[in-house]
């Protein structure tokens, strides 16, 4: 179980890094898209939190 949790955390961290890089790419393309990117990033963060909560409740 502990091994699975560590793997999940690493995967989530990796996803967050990718999303951050994508956000910076969008910022470089157009500053007007910053709000949209921020909203998407917040949405993904909430989704990740829900997944973590479900995983924790399963344990």
N, C-alpha and C. Protein backbone atom coordinates (compact mmCIF):
# COMPACT_ATOMS: atom_id res chain seq x y z
N UNK A 1 0.84 -1.21 0.00
CA UNK A 1 0.00 0.00 0.00
C UNK A 1 0.88 1.26 0.00
N UNK A 2 1.90 1.25 0.86
CA UNK A 2 2.79 2.42 0.96
C UNK A 2 3.49 2.66 -0.37
N UNK A 3 3.93 1.57 -1.01
CA UNK A 3 4.62 1.68 -2.30
C UNK A 3 3.69 2.31 -3.34
N UNK A 4 2.42 1.90 -3.35
CA UNK A 4 1.44 2.46 -4.28
C UNK A 4 1.25 3.96 -4.03
N UNK A 5 1.16 4.36 -2.76
CA UNK A 5 0.96 5.77 -2.43
C UNK A 5 2.13 6.62 -2.92
N UNK A 6 3.35 6.12 -2.72
CA UNK A 6 4.55 6.85 -3.16
C UNK A 6 4.53 7.00 -4.68
N UNK A 7 4.20 5.92 -5.38
CA UNK A 7 4.12 5.95 -6.85
C UNK A 7 3.08 6.96 -7.31
N UNK A 8 1.92 6.96 -6.66
CA UNK A 8 0.84 7.89 -7.01
C UNK A 8 1.29 9.33 -6.80
N UNK A 9 1.95 9.60 -5.66
CA UNK A 9 2.43 10.95 -5.36
C UNK A 9 3.43 11.42 -6.40
N UNK A 10 4.35 10.53 -6.81
CA UNK A 10 5.35 10.88 -7.82
C UNK A 10 4.66 11.20 -9.14
N UNK A 11 3.66 10.38 -9.52
CA UNK A 11 2.91 10.61 -10.76
C UNK A 11 2.18 11.95 -10.72
N UNK A 12 1.54 12.26 -9.59
CA UNK A 12 0.82 13.53 -9.44
C UNK A 12 1.78 14.70 -9.54
N UNK A 13 2.95 14.58 -8.90
CA UNK A 13 3.96 15.63 -8.94
C UNK A 13 4.41 15.86 -10.38
N UNK A 14 4.62 14.76 -11.12
CA UNK A 14 5.03 14.81 -12.53
C UNK A 14 3.98 15.53 -13.37
N UNK A 15 2.70 15.20 -13.12
CA UNK A 15 1.58 15.83 -13.85
C UNK A 15 1.56 17.33 -13.57
N UNK A 16 1.75 17.71 -12.30
CA UNK A 16 1.75 19.13 -11.92
C UNK A 16 2.88 19.87 -12.64
N UNK A 17 4.07 19.25 -12.72
CA UNK A 17 5.21 19.87 -13.40
C UNK A 17 4.88 20.09 -14.88
N UNK A 18 4.29 19.07 -15.52
CA UNK A 18 3.90 19.17 -16.94
C UNK A 18 2.89 20.30 -17.14
N UNK A 19 1.88 20.37 -16.26
CA UNK A 19 0.86 21.42 -16.36
C UNK A 19 1.49 22.80 -16.20
N UNK A 20 2.46 22.91 -15.29
CA UNK A 20 3.15 24.19 -15.07
C UNK A 20 3.91 24.60 -16.32
N UNK A 21 4.61 23.64 -16.94
CA UNK A 21 5.35 23.92 -18.17
C UNK A 21 4.40 24.35 -19.28
N UNK A 22 3.25 23.67 -19.41
CA UNK A 22 2.25 24.01 -20.41
C UNK A 22 1.73 25.43 -20.17
N UNK A 23 1.49 25.76 -18.90
CA UNK A 23 1.02 27.10 -18.54
C UNK A 23 2.03 28.16 -18.97
N UNK A 24 3.31 27.90 -18.72
CA UNK A 24 4.36 28.85 -19.11
C UNK A 24 4.42 28.99 -20.64
N UNK A 25 4.22 27.86 -21.36
CA UNK A 25 4.22 27.89 -22.82
C UNK A 25 3.08 28.78 -23.32
N UNK A 26 1.89 28.62 -22.72
CA UNK A 26 0.74 29.44 -23.10
C UNK A 26 1.01 30.91 -22.79
N UNK A 27 1.66 31.18 -21.66
CA UNK A 27 1.99 32.55 -21.27
C UNK A 27 2.91 33.17 -22.32
N UNK A 28 3.88 32.38 -22.80
CA UNK A 28 4.82 32.86 -23.80
C UNK A 28 4.10 33.19 -25.11
N UNK A 29 3.09 32.38 -25.46
CA UNK A 29 2.33 32.59 -26.69
C UNK A 29 1.43 33.82 -26.58
N UNK A 30 0.67 33.90 -25.49
CA UNK A 30 -0.27 35.02 -25.33
C UNK A 30 -0.56 35.27 -23.85
N UNK A 31 -0.31 36.49 -23.40
CA UNK A 31 -0.56 36.85 -22.00
C UNK A 31 -2.06 36.88 -21.71
N UNK A 32 -2.88 37.04 -22.75
CA UNK A 32 -4.33 37.07 -22.58
C UNK A 32 -4.90 35.73 -22.15
N UNK A 33 -4.16 34.65 -22.42
CA UNK A 33 -4.63 33.31 -22.07
C UNK A 33 -4.27 32.92 -20.63
N UNK A 34 -3.57 33.81 -19.92
CA UNK A 34 -3.12 33.49 -18.56
C UNK A 34 -4.29 33.11 -17.65
N UNK A 35 -5.40 33.86 -17.75
CA UNK A 35 -6.58 33.59 -16.91
C UNK A 35 -7.13 32.20 -17.20
N UNK A 36 -7.26 31.85 -18.48
CA UNK A 36 -7.79 30.54 -18.88
C UNK A 36 -6.88 29.43 -18.35
N UNK A 37 -5.57 29.62 -18.52
CA UNK A 37 -4.59 28.62 -18.05
C UNK A 37 -4.69 28.46 -16.54
N UNK A 38 -4.81 29.59 -15.83
CA UNK A 38 -4.92 29.55 -14.37
C UNK A 38 -6.16 28.78 -13.95
N UNK A 39 -7.29 29.03 -14.63
CA UNK A 39 -8.54 28.32 -14.32
C UNK A 39 -8.38 26.82 -14.57
N UNK A 40 -7.76 26.46 -15.71
CA UNK A 40 -7.53 25.04 -16.03
C UNK A 40 -6.64 24.41 -14.97
N UNK A 41 -5.57 25.13 -14.59
CA UNK A 41 -4.63 24.61 -13.59
C UNK A 41 -5.33 24.38 -12.25
N UNK A 42 -6.19 25.33 -11.85
CA UNK A 42 -6.96 25.18 -10.61
C UNK A 42 -7.90 23.99 -10.71
N UNK A 43 -8.53 23.82 -11.86
CA UNK A 43 -9.42 22.68 -12.09
C UNK A 43 -8.69 21.36 -11.96
N UNK A 44 -7.50 21.26 -12.57
CA UNK A 44 -6.69 20.05 -12.47
C UNK A 44 -6.26 19.80 -11.03
N UNK A 45 -5.89 20.88 -10.33
CA UNK A 45 -5.47 20.76 -8.93
C UNK A 45 -6.60 20.19 -8.07
N UNK A 46 -7.83 20.69 -8.27
CA UNK A 46 -8.99 20.19 -7.54
C UNK A 46 -9.25 18.73 -7.87
N UNK A 47 -9.10 18.37 -9.16
CA UNK A 47 -9.29 16.99 -9.60
C UNK A 47 -8.27 16.07 -8.93
N UNK A 48 -7.01 16.52 -8.89
CA UNK A 48 -5.94 15.74 -8.25
C UNK A 48 -6.25 15.56 -6.76
N UNK A 49 -6.71 16.63 -6.11
CA UNK A 49 -7.05 16.55 -4.68
C UNK A 49 -8.15 15.52 -4.45
N UNK A 50 -9.16 15.49 -5.32
CA UNK A 50 -10.25 14.52 -5.20
C UNK A 50 -9.73 13.10 -5.37
N UNK A 51 -8.83 12.90 -6.36
CA UNK A 51 -8.23 11.57 -6.58
C UNK A 51 -7.45 11.13 -5.34
N UNK A 52 -6.68 12.05 -4.77
CA UNK A 52 -5.89 11.75 -3.56
C UNK A 52 -6.83 11.38 -2.41
N UNK A 53 -7.92 12.15 -2.26
CA UNK A 53 -8.90 11.86 -1.20
C UNK A 53 -9.50 10.47 -1.36
N UNK A 54 -9.83 10.10 -2.60
CA UNK A 54 -10.40 8.78 -2.87
C UNK A 54 -9.38 7.69 -2.54
N UNK A 55 -8.13 7.90 -2.96
CA UNK A 55 -7.06 6.93 -2.69
C UNK A 55 -6.87 6.76 -1.18
N UNK A 56 -6.88 7.89 -0.45
CA UNK A 56 -6.70 7.84 1.01
C UNK A 56 -7.85 7.12 1.69
N UNK A 57 -9.07 7.35 1.23
CA UNK A 57 -10.24 6.71 1.84
C UNK A 57 -10.25 5.21 1.55
N UNK A 58 -9.67 4.80 0.39
CA UNK A 58 -9.57 3.38 0.06
C UNK A 58 -8.65 2.66 1.04
N UNK A 59 -7.57 3.34 1.47
CA UNK A 59 -6.64 2.75 2.44
C UNK A 59 -7.36 2.62 3.77
